N, C-alpha and C. Protein backbone atom coordinates (compact mmCIF):
# COMPACT_ATOMS: atom_id res chain seq x y z
N THR A 1 140.24 115.79 55.48
CA THR A 1 139.19 114.95 56.04
C THR A 1 137.89 115.72 56.17
N VAL A 2 137.99 116.98 56.60
CA VAL A 2 136.79 117.81 56.76
C VAL A 2 136.12 118.03 55.41
N SER A 3 136.91 118.31 54.38
CA SER A 3 136.33 118.51 53.05
C SER A 3 135.67 117.24 52.54
N ALA A 4 136.31 116.10 52.76
CA ALA A 4 135.73 114.83 52.32
C ALA A 4 134.44 114.54 53.08
N LEU A 5 134.40 114.83 54.37
CA LEU A 5 133.17 114.61 55.14
C LEU A 5 132.06 115.56 54.69
N SER A 6 132.42 116.78 54.32
CA SER A 6 131.41 117.70 53.78
C SER A 6 130.84 117.13 52.49
N THR A 7 131.69 116.54 51.67
CA THR A 7 131.23 115.89 50.44
C THR A 7 130.30 114.74 50.77
N PHE A 8 130.62 113.97 51.81
CA PHE A 8 129.74 112.88 52.24
C PHE A 8 128.35 113.40 52.56
N PHE A 9 128.25 114.49 53.32
CA PHE A 9 126.93 115.02 53.69
C PHE A 9 126.18 115.51 52.45
N LEU A 10 126.87 116.16 51.53
CA LEU A 10 126.23 116.59 50.29
C LEU A 10 125.70 115.37 49.53
N ALA A 11 126.51 114.34 49.43
CA ALA A 11 126.09 113.13 48.70
C ALA A 11 124.88 112.48 49.36
N MET A 12 124.84 112.47 50.68
CA MET A 12 123.71 111.83 51.37
C MET A 12 122.41 112.59 51.13
N VAL A 13 122.50 113.91 50.99
CA VAL A 13 121.31 114.71 50.68
C VAL A 13 120.89 114.49 49.23
N LEU A 14 121.85 114.44 48.33
CA LEU A 14 121.54 114.29 46.91
C LEU A 14 121.19 112.86 46.52
N TYR A 15 121.71 111.89 47.26
CA TYR A 15 121.51 110.47 46.94
C TYR A 15 120.99 109.73 48.18
N PRO A 16 119.74 109.98 48.58
CA PRO A 16 119.21 109.37 49.81
C PRO A 16 119.17 107.84 49.77
N ASN A 17 119.14 107.26 48.58
CA ASN A 17 119.16 105.79 48.49
C ASN A 17 120.48 105.22 49.03
N VAL A 18 121.57 105.96 48.86
CA VAL A 18 122.87 105.53 49.38
C VAL A 18 122.85 105.59 50.91
N GLN A 19 122.27 106.68 51.44
CA GLN A 19 122.16 106.81 52.89
C GLN A 19 121.33 105.66 53.47
N LYS A 20 120.24 105.35 52.81
CA LYS A 20 119.35 104.28 53.28
C LYS A 20 120.08 102.94 53.30
N ARG A 21 120.79 102.65 52.23
CA ARG A 21 121.53 101.37 52.19
C ARG A 21 122.65 101.37 53.23
N GLY A 22 123.34 102.50 53.37
CA GLY A 22 124.41 102.58 54.36
C GLY A 22 123.91 102.31 55.76
N ARG A 23 122.79 102.92 56.12
CA ARG A 23 122.20 102.70 57.44
C ARG A 23 121.81 101.23 57.60
N LYS A 24 121.20 100.68 56.57
CA LYS A 24 120.78 99.27 56.61
C LYS A 24 121.99 98.35 56.85
N GLU A 25 123.09 98.62 56.17
CA GLU A 25 124.29 97.80 56.32
C GLU A 25 124.88 97.92 57.73
N VAL A 26 124.90 99.14 58.28
CA VAL A 26 125.42 99.34 59.64
C VAL A 26 124.53 98.61 60.64
N LEU A 27 123.22 98.77 60.50
CA LEU A 27 122.29 98.10 61.42
C LEU A 27 122.41 96.58 61.32
N ARG A 28 122.59 96.07 60.12
CA ARG A 28 122.76 94.63 59.94
C ARG A 28 124.00 94.15 60.68
N ALA A 29 125.09 94.90 60.59
CA ALA A 29 126.35 94.48 61.22
C ALA A 29 126.29 94.57 62.74
N LEU A 30 125.59 95.59 63.25
CA LEU A 30 125.54 95.78 64.71
C LEU A 30 124.45 94.97 65.37
N GLY A 31 123.50 94.52 64.59
CA GLY A 31 122.41 93.73 65.17
C GLY A 31 121.59 94.56 66.14
N THR A 32 121.24 93.96 67.25
CA THR A 32 120.39 94.65 68.23
C THR A 32 121.19 95.34 69.31
N SER A 33 122.50 95.41 69.16
CA SER A 33 123.33 96.02 70.20
C SER A 33 123.05 97.52 70.29
N ASP A 34 123.31 98.06 71.46
CA ASP A 34 123.12 99.50 71.69
C ASP A 34 124.41 100.29 71.49
N ARG A 35 125.43 99.66 70.99
CA ARG A 35 126.72 100.33 70.85
C ARG A 35 126.86 101.02 69.49
N LEU A 36 127.78 101.94 69.43
CA LEU A 36 128.12 102.59 68.16
C LEU A 36 129.08 101.71 67.38
N PRO A 37 129.20 101.94 66.08
CA PRO A 37 130.19 101.19 65.30
C PRO A 37 131.60 101.45 65.82
N THR A 38 132.45 100.45 65.72
CA THR A 38 133.86 100.58 66.10
C THR A 38 134.72 100.08 64.95
N PHE A 39 136.03 100.30 65.07
CA PHE A 39 136.94 99.86 64.02
C PHE A 39 136.87 98.35 63.81
N SER A 40 136.49 97.62 64.84
CA SER A 40 136.41 96.16 64.70
C SER A 40 135.25 95.74 63.78
N ASP A 41 134.36 96.67 63.45
CA ASP A 41 133.23 96.37 62.57
C ASP A 41 133.56 96.57 61.09
N ASP A 42 134.73 97.12 60.80
CA ASP A 42 134.99 97.55 59.42
C ASP A 42 134.92 96.43 58.39
N LYS A 43 135.33 95.23 58.73
CA LYS A 43 135.28 94.13 57.75
C LYS A 43 133.86 93.65 57.50
N SER A 44 132.96 93.93 58.43
CA SER A 44 131.58 93.45 58.26
C SER A 44 130.68 94.49 57.59
N ILE A 45 131.23 95.67 57.27
CA ILE A 45 130.43 96.70 56.61
C ILE A 45 131.21 97.26 55.42
N PRO A 46 131.45 96.46 54.38
CA PRO A 46 132.22 96.96 53.24
C PRO A 46 131.55 98.12 52.51
N TYR A 47 130.25 98.27 52.68
CA TYR A 47 129.57 99.38 52.00
C TYR A 47 130.08 100.73 52.50
N ILE A 48 130.50 100.81 53.77
CA ILE A 48 131.07 102.06 54.28
C ILE A 48 132.36 102.37 53.54
N ASP A 49 133.20 101.36 53.32
CA ASP A 49 134.42 101.56 52.54
C ASP A 49 134.09 102.03 51.12
N ALA A 50 133.06 101.44 50.54
CA ALA A 50 132.64 101.84 49.19
C ALA A 50 132.16 103.29 49.17
N ILE A 51 131.45 103.71 50.21
CA ILE A 51 131.01 105.11 50.30
C ILE A 51 132.21 106.03 50.37
N ILE A 52 133.18 105.71 51.21
CA ILE A 52 134.37 106.56 51.34
C ILE A 52 135.12 106.63 50.02
N LYS A 53 135.31 105.49 49.38
CA LYS A 53 136.00 105.49 48.08
C LYS A 53 135.26 106.37 47.08
N GLU A 54 133.94 106.30 47.10
CA GLU A 54 133.16 107.10 46.15
C GLU A 54 133.20 108.58 46.51
N VAL A 55 133.21 108.91 47.79
CA VAL A 55 133.36 110.31 48.22
C VAL A 55 134.67 110.87 47.67
N LEU A 56 135.75 110.12 47.84
CA LEU A 56 137.07 110.58 47.39
C LEU A 56 137.15 110.64 45.87
N ARG A 57 136.48 109.72 45.18
CA ARG A 57 136.50 109.69 43.72
C ARG A 57 135.60 110.75 43.11
N TRP A 58 134.38 110.87 43.64
CA TRP A 58 133.34 111.73 43.07
C TRP A 58 133.73 113.21 43.12
N ARG A 59 134.20 113.66 44.26
CA ARG A 59 134.60 115.06 44.43
C ARG A 59 135.91 115.11 45.21
N PRO A 60 137.04 114.86 44.52
CA PRO A 60 138.32 114.86 45.23
C PRO A 60 138.59 116.21 45.90
N VAL A 61 139.18 116.14 47.08
CA VAL A 61 139.47 117.35 47.85
C VAL A 61 140.38 118.28 47.06
N THR A 62 141.37 117.73 46.41
CA THR A 62 142.28 118.54 45.58
C THR A 62 142.22 118.00 44.15
N PRO A 63 141.41 118.64 43.29
CA PRO A 63 141.27 118.15 41.91
C PRO A 63 142.58 118.16 41.12
N MET A 64 143.46 119.05 41.49
CA MET A 64 144.80 119.07 40.91
C MET A 64 145.78 118.80 42.05
N ALA A 65 146.66 117.83 41.86
CA ALA A 65 147.60 117.46 42.91
C ALA A 65 148.59 118.60 43.17
N LEU A 66 149.32 118.46 44.25
CA LEU A 66 150.34 119.45 44.56
C LEU A 66 151.42 119.42 43.49
N PRO A 67 152.00 120.58 43.19
CA PRO A 67 153.00 120.63 42.12
C PRO A 67 154.29 119.89 42.49
N HIS A 68 154.90 119.31 41.48
CA HIS A 68 156.20 118.67 41.60
C HIS A 68 157.11 119.34 40.57
N ARG A 69 158.38 119.51 40.90
CA ARG A 69 159.35 120.09 39.96
C ARG A 69 160.33 118.99 39.57
N LEU A 70 160.49 118.80 38.26
CA LEU A 70 161.41 117.77 37.77
C LEU A 70 162.85 118.17 38.09
N ILE A 71 163.62 117.21 38.60
CA ILE A 71 165.02 117.51 38.91
C ILE A 71 165.95 117.10 37.76
N THR A 72 165.42 116.29 36.85
CA THR A 72 166.18 115.90 35.66
C THR A 72 165.26 115.97 34.45
N ASP A 73 165.85 116.04 33.27
CA ASP A 73 165.05 115.98 32.05
C ASP A 73 164.29 114.65 32.02
N ASP A 74 163.11 114.68 31.42
CA ASP A 74 162.32 113.46 31.31
C ASP A 74 161.59 113.49 29.97
N VAL A 75 161.20 112.33 29.49
CA VAL A 75 160.41 112.22 28.26
C VAL A 75 159.14 111.47 28.60
N TYR A 76 158.01 112.06 28.23
CA TYR A 76 156.72 111.42 28.47
C TYR A 76 155.93 111.42 27.17
N LYS A 77 155.62 110.23 26.66
CA LYS A 77 154.86 110.06 25.42
C LYS A 77 155.42 110.93 24.29
N GLY A 78 156.74 110.94 24.19
CA GLY A 78 157.39 111.67 23.11
C GLY A 78 157.64 113.15 23.39
N TYR A 79 157.13 113.65 24.49
CA TYR A 79 157.34 115.05 24.85
C TYR A 79 158.53 115.16 25.81
N THR A 80 159.45 116.05 25.50
CA THR A 80 160.60 116.27 26.37
C THR A 80 160.22 117.31 27.42
N LEU A 81 160.42 116.93 28.67
CA LEU A 81 160.16 117.82 29.79
C LEU A 81 161.49 118.14 30.44
N PRO A 82 161.95 119.39 30.33
CA PRO A 82 163.26 119.73 30.87
C PRO A 82 163.26 119.80 32.40
N ALA A 83 164.42 119.60 32.98
CA ALA A 83 164.58 119.74 34.43
C ALA A 83 164.06 121.12 34.84
N GLY A 84 163.40 121.18 35.98
CA GLY A 84 162.83 122.44 36.46
C GLY A 84 161.37 122.62 36.08
N THR A 85 160.86 121.79 35.17
CA THR A 85 159.45 121.87 34.78
C THR A 85 158.56 121.53 35.97
N VAL A 86 157.52 122.32 36.16
CA VAL A 86 156.54 122.04 37.21
C VAL A 86 155.46 121.13 36.63
N VAL A 87 155.19 120.03 37.30
CA VAL A 87 154.23 119.04 36.84
C VAL A 87 153.12 118.91 37.89
N LEU A 88 151.87 118.92 37.40
CA LEU A 88 150.72 118.72 38.28
C LEU A 88 149.97 117.48 37.84
N GLY A 89 149.62 116.63 38.79
CA GLY A 89 148.78 115.48 38.47
C GLY A 89 147.33 115.92 38.45
N ASN A 90 146.58 115.51 37.44
CA ASN A 90 145.18 115.87 37.33
C ASN A 90 144.33 114.80 38.02
N THR A 91 144.19 114.97 39.33
CA THR A 91 143.45 114.00 40.15
C THR A 91 142.03 113.83 39.64
N TRP A 92 141.39 114.93 39.28
CA TRP A 92 140.01 114.88 38.80
C TRP A 92 139.89 113.94 37.60
N ALA A 93 140.77 114.11 36.62
CA ALA A 93 140.71 113.28 35.41
C ALA A 93 140.97 111.81 35.73
N ILE A 94 141.92 111.55 36.62
CA ILE A 94 142.23 110.17 36.99
C ILE A 94 141.02 109.50 37.63
N LEU A 95 140.35 110.22 38.53
CA LEU A 95 139.23 109.65 39.28
C LEU A 95 137.90 109.73 38.53
N HIS A 96 137.90 110.34 37.35
CA HIS A 96 136.70 110.40 36.52
C HIS A 96 136.94 109.74 35.16
N ASP A 97 137.86 108.79 35.14
CA ASP A 97 138.17 108.05 33.93
C ASP A 97 137.04 107.05 33.66
N LYS A 98 136.32 107.26 32.57
CA LYS A 98 135.16 106.42 32.25
C LYS A 98 135.56 104.98 31.93
N ILE A 99 136.76 104.78 31.48
CA ILE A 99 137.22 103.42 31.21
C ILE A 99 137.38 102.65 32.52
N VAL A 100 137.84 103.32 33.54
CA VAL A 100 138.10 102.68 34.84
C VAL A 100 136.84 102.61 35.69
N TYR A 101 136.10 103.73 35.78
CA TYR A 101 134.99 103.84 36.74
C TYR A 101 133.61 103.76 36.10
N GLY A 102 133.53 103.63 34.79
CA GLY A 102 132.24 103.51 34.13
C GLY A 102 131.76 104.82 33.55
N GLU A 103 130.76 104.73 32.69
CA GLU A 103 130.23 105.91 31.99
C GLU A 103 129.56 106.90 32.94
N ASP A 104 129.12 106.45 34.10
CA ASP A 104 128.37 107.30 35.02
C ASP A 104 129.26 107.96 36.08
N VAL A 105 130.44 108.41 35.68
CA VAL A 105 131.41 108.95 36.65
C VAL A 105 130.91 110.20 37.38
N ASP A 106 129.94 110.89 36.83
CA ASP A 106 129.42 112.09 37.50
C ASP A 106 128.38 111.76 38.56
N ASP A 107 127.93 110.52 38.59
CA ASP A 107 126.96 110.08 39.60
C ASP A 107 127.68 109.54 40.82
N PHE A 108 127.07 109.74 41.98
CA PHE A 108 127.59 109.18 43.23
C PHE A 108 127.03 107.77 43.37
N ARG A 109 127.87 106.79 43.14
CA ARG A 109 127.41 105.40 43.15
C ARG A 109 128.46 104.49 43.79
N PRO A 110 128.40 104.33 45.13
CA PRO A 110 129.38 103.49 45.83
C PRO A 110 129.41 102.05 45.32
N GLU A 111 128.31 101.59 44.75
CA GLU A 111 128.24 100.21 44.26
C GLU A 111 129.30 99.90 43.21
N ARG A 112 129.85 100.92 42.58
CA ARG A 112 130.88 100.68 41.57
C ARG A 112 132.11 100.01 42.21
N PHE A 113 132.28 100.16 43.52
CA PHE A 113 133.42 99.56 44.21
C PHE A 113 133.10 98.19 44.81
N LEU A 114 131.90 97.70 44.56
CA LEU A 114 131.49 96.42 45.14
C LEU A 114 131.35 95.34 44.08
N GLN A 115 131.54 94.13 44.52
CA GLN A 115 131.28 92.94 43.72
C GLN A 115 130.42 92.06 44.62
N GLY A 116 129.13 92.05 44.38
CA GLY A 116 128.22 91.42 45.32
C GLY A 116 128.17 92.27 46.58
N ASP A 117 128.42 91.66 47.72
CA ASP A 117 128.43 92.39 48.99
C ASP A 117 129.83 92.71 49.47
N ASP A 118 130.84 92.38 48.68
CA ASP A 118 132.23 92.63 49.07
C ASP A 118 132.86 93.68 48.16
N LEU A 119 133.98 94.23 48.62
CA LEU A 119 134.70 95.19 47.79
C LEU A 119 135.25 94.48 46.56
N ASN A 120 135.19 95.16 45.43
CA ASN A 120 135.67 94.61 44.17
C ASN A 120 137.15 94.94 44.02
N PRO A 121 138.02 93.94 44.07
CA PRO A 121 139.46 94.22 43.97
C PRO A 121 139.89 94.71 42.58
N ASP A 122 139.01 94.58 41.58
CA ASP A 122 139.35 95.00 40.23
C ASP A 122 139.14 96.50 39.99
N ILE A 123 138.43 97.16 40.89
CA ILE A 123 138.22 98.60 40.75
C ILE A 123 139.28 99.31 41.59
N PRO A 124 140.09 100.15 40.97
CA PRO A 124 141.20 100.76 41.70
C PRO A 124 140.73 101.64 42.87
N HIS A 125 141.49 101.54 43.95
CA HIS A 125 141.28 102.41 45.11
C HIS A 125 141.57 103.84 44.64
N PRO A 126 140.75 104.80 45.03
CA PRO A 126 140.98 106.18 44.57
C PRO A 126 142.08 106.88 45.37
N ASP A 127 143.22 106.21 45.53
CA ASP A 127 144.29 106.78 46.34
C ASP A 127 144.91 108.03 45.72
N ALA A 128 144.64 108.28 44.45
CA ALA A 128 145.11 109.53 43.83
C ALA A 128 144.53 110.74 44.57
N ALA A 129 143.42 110.56 45.26
CA ALA A 129 142.82 111.66 46.03
C ALA A 129 143.76 112.14 47.13
N PHE A 130 144.71 111.31 47.53
CA PHE A 130 145.66 111.68 48.58
C PHE A 130 146.99 112.17 48.04
N GLY A 131 147.11 112.31 46.74
CA GLY A 131 148.36 112.78 46.16
C GLY A 131 149.17 111.63 45.59
N PHE A 132 150.38 111.96 45.16
CA PHE A 132 151.20 111.00 44.43
C PHE A 132 152.61 110.91 45.02
N GLY A 133 153.17 109.73 44.93
CA GLY A 133 154.58 109.52 45.26
C GLY A 133 154.94 109.91 46.69
N ARG A 134 156.14 110.46 46.81
CA ARG A 134 156.65 110.82 48.14
C ARG A 134 155.86 111.95 48.77
N ARG A 135 155.12 112.68 47.97
CA ARG A 135 154.37 113.81 48.51
C ARG A 135 152.90 113.46 48.76
N ALA A 136 152.58 112.20 48.73
CA ALA A 136 151.22 111.78 49.07
C ALA A 136 150.96 112.12 50.54
N CYS A 137 149.73 112.32 50.86
CA CYS A 137 149.34 112.70 52.22
C CYS A 137 149.85 111.68 53.24
N PRO A 138 150.70 112.10 54.18
CA PRO A 138 151.22 111.14 55.16
C PRO A 138 150.15 110.68 56.16
N GLY A 139 149.07 111.43 56.25
CA GLY A 139 148.01 111.08 57.19
C GLY A 139 146.83 110.36 56.57
N GLN A 140 147.02 109.79 55.37
CA GLN A 140 145.87 109.20 54.68
C GLN A 140 145.27 108.02 55.43
N ASP A 141 146.06 107.23 56.12
CA ASP A 141 145.49 106.11 56.89
C ASP A 141 144.66 106.63 58.06
N MET A 142 145.16 107.66 58.71
CA MET A 142 144.41 108.26 59.82
C MET A 142 143.14 108.93 59.29
N ALA A 143 143.25 109.59 58.15
CA ALA A 143 142.07 110.23 57.55
C ALA A 143 141.02 109.19 57.20
N TRP A 144 141.46 108.08 56.61
CA TRP A 144 140.52 107.01 56.23
C TRP A 144 139.81 106.47 57.47
N SER A 145 140.58 106.18 58.52
CA SER A 145 139.99 105.65 59.75
C SER A 145 139.00 106.62 60.36
N SER A 146 139.37 107.89 60.37
CA SER A 146 138.49 108.92 60.92
C SER A 146 137.20 109.02 60.11
N MET A 147 137.33 109.00 58.78
CA MET A 147 136.14 109.06 57.93
C MET A 147 135.28 107.82 58.12
N TRP A 148 135.91 106.65 58.23
CA TRP A 148 135.14 105.42 58.38
C TRP A 148 134.29 105.46 59.65
N LEU A 149 134.93 105.81 60.76
CA LEU A 149 134.21 105.83 62.03
C LEU A 149 133.12 106.90 62.04
N THR A 150 133.42 108.06 61.50
CA THR A 150 132.44 109.15 61.45
C THR A 150 131.25 108.77 60.58
N ILE A 151 131.51 108.29 59.38
CA ILE A 151 130.42 107.96 58.45
C ILE A 151 129.57 106.81 58.99
N ALA A 152 130.19 105.77 59.51
CA ALA A 152 129.43 104.65 60.07
C ALA A 152 128.56 105.13 61.23
N SER A 153 129.11 105.98 62.10
CA SER A 153 128.35 106.48 63.25
C SER A 153 127.22 107.40 62.83
N VAL A 154 127.50 108.30 61.89
CA VAL A 154 126.46 109.22 61.42
C VAL A 154 125.31 108.44 60.78
N LEU A 155 125.63 107.46 59.96
CA LEU A 155 124.57 106.67 59.33
C LEU A 155 123.77 105.88 60.36
N PHE A 156 124.41 105.46 61.43
CA PHE A 156 123.74 104.73 62.50
C PHE A 156 122.80 105.63 63.30
N LEU A 157 123.24 106.88 63.53
CA LEU A 157 122.53 107.76 64.46
C LEU A 157 121.57 108.77 63.83
N PHE A 158 121.83 109.19 62.61
CA PHE A 158 121.11 110.33 62.06
C PHE A 158 120.46 110.04 60.71
N ASP A 159 119.45 110.82 60.42
CA ASP A 159 118.83 110.83 59.11
C ASP A 159 119.18 112.18 58.50
N ILE A 160 119.98 112.19 57.47
CA ILE A 160 120.43 113.42 56.83
C ILE A 160 119.39 113.81 55.80
N THR A 161 118.82 115.00 55.96
CA THR A 161 117.76 115.45 55.07
C THR A 161 118.09 116.82 54.49
N LYS A 162 117.30 117.21 53.52
CA LYS A 162 117.46 118.52 52.91
C LYS A 162 117.03 119.60 53.89
N GLN A 163 117.64 120.75 53.75
CA GLN A 163 117.24 121.92 54.52
C GLN A 163 115.82 122.29 54.13
N VAL A 164 115.06 122.83 55.08
CA VAL A 164 113.70 123.26 54.77
C VAL A 164 113.62 124.78 54.81
N ASP A 165 112.72 125.34 53.99
CA ASP A 165 112.54 126.79 53.98
C ASP A 165 111.60 127.21 55.10
N GLU A 166 111.25 128.50 55.13
CA GLU A 166 110.40 129.03 56.21
C GLU A 166 109.00 128.42 56.21
N ASN A 167 108.60 127.79 55.09
CA ASN A 167 107.30 127.13 55.00
C ASN A 167 107.39 125.62 55.27
N GLY A 168 108.58 125.17 55.65
CA GLY A 168 108.76 123.75 55.93
C GLY A 168 108.94 122.89 54.69
N MET A 169 109.14 123.53 53.55
CA MET A 169 109.32 122.80 52.29
C MET A 169 110.82 122.49 52.08
N PRO A 170 111.13 121.27 51.65
CA PRO A 170 112.53 120.93 51.40
C PRO A 170 113.13 121.81 50.31
N MET A 171 114.36 122.24 50.53
CA MET A 171 115.09 123.06 49.56
C MET A 171 116.08 122.17 48.82
N GLU A 172 116.10 122.29 47.51
CA GLU A 172 117.05 121.52 46.72
C GLU A 172 118.44 122.15 46.85
N PRO A 173 119.42 121.37 47.27
CA PRO A 173 120.78 121.92 47.30
C PRO A 173 121.25 122.18 45.88
N SER A 174 122.06 123.19 45.72
CA SER A 174 122.52 123.55 44.38
C SER A 174 123.44 122.47 43.80
N GLY A 175 124.11 121.76 44.67
CA GLY A 175 125.07 120.78 44.18
C GLY A 175 126.37 121.43 43.75
N GLU A 176 126.42 122.78 43.82
CA GLU A 176 127.66 123.47 43.50
C GLU A 176 128.70 123.06 44.51
N TYR A 177 129.90 122.98 44.05
CA TYR A 177 130.94 122.43 44.90
C TYR A 177 132.23 123.20 44.71
N THR A 178 132.85 123.54 45.81
CA THR A 178 134.16 124.14 45.78
C THR A 178 135.09 123.22 46.55
N SER A 179 136.02 122.64 45.86
CA SER A 179 136.96 121.76 46.55
C SER A 179 137.97 122.61 47.30
N GLY A 180 138.62 122.02 48.24
CA GLY A 180 139.61 122.79 48.97
C GLY A 180 140.46 121.95 49.88
N MET A 181 141.66 122.43 50.11
CA MET A 181 142.57 121.78 51.03
C MET A 181 143.26 122.87 51.82
N GLN A 182 143.30 122.72 53.13
CA GLN A 182 143.99 123.70 53.95
C GLN A 182 145.42 123.26 54.13
N MET A 183 146.31 124.22 53.97
CA MET A 183 147.74 123.91 54.13
C MET A 183 148.32 124.76 55.23
């Protein structure tokens, strides 16, 4: 969750138009109330869900899934994989498939998950970011909820800007990224 939220902050600095729209959507849903976003607001702000999906897709926390060891021989696309073979899912490739997510997979664009103002059910949820099968992250629902509340609140309360140098000039972030997962 921490790595995904770090990715969110990087994306907001690199793509301020997304931050602007996110804030606008949160403000629209909350109206003139003085309260922070709550879980009960989630259905009225689908753009936050789209941002989270794009965070997980754009820079997955673990670009290569955790290893699995085959317990029996298997055949995949004509290749025989003997029992004991270690198999890794390539999360990065799955979430950067141009056929599924469009030619602009290297761009941070939450709109790819929307159809009008609602979530597009035809675009797959980037659940590969949480792993595969029985070894998928057991806390993914809690992580999603935590990210949703944090991102909605941050967009409501703060303006995320570039760091400034000693002369007050904005510094361009390198955009370099190191993914990571703590175990």
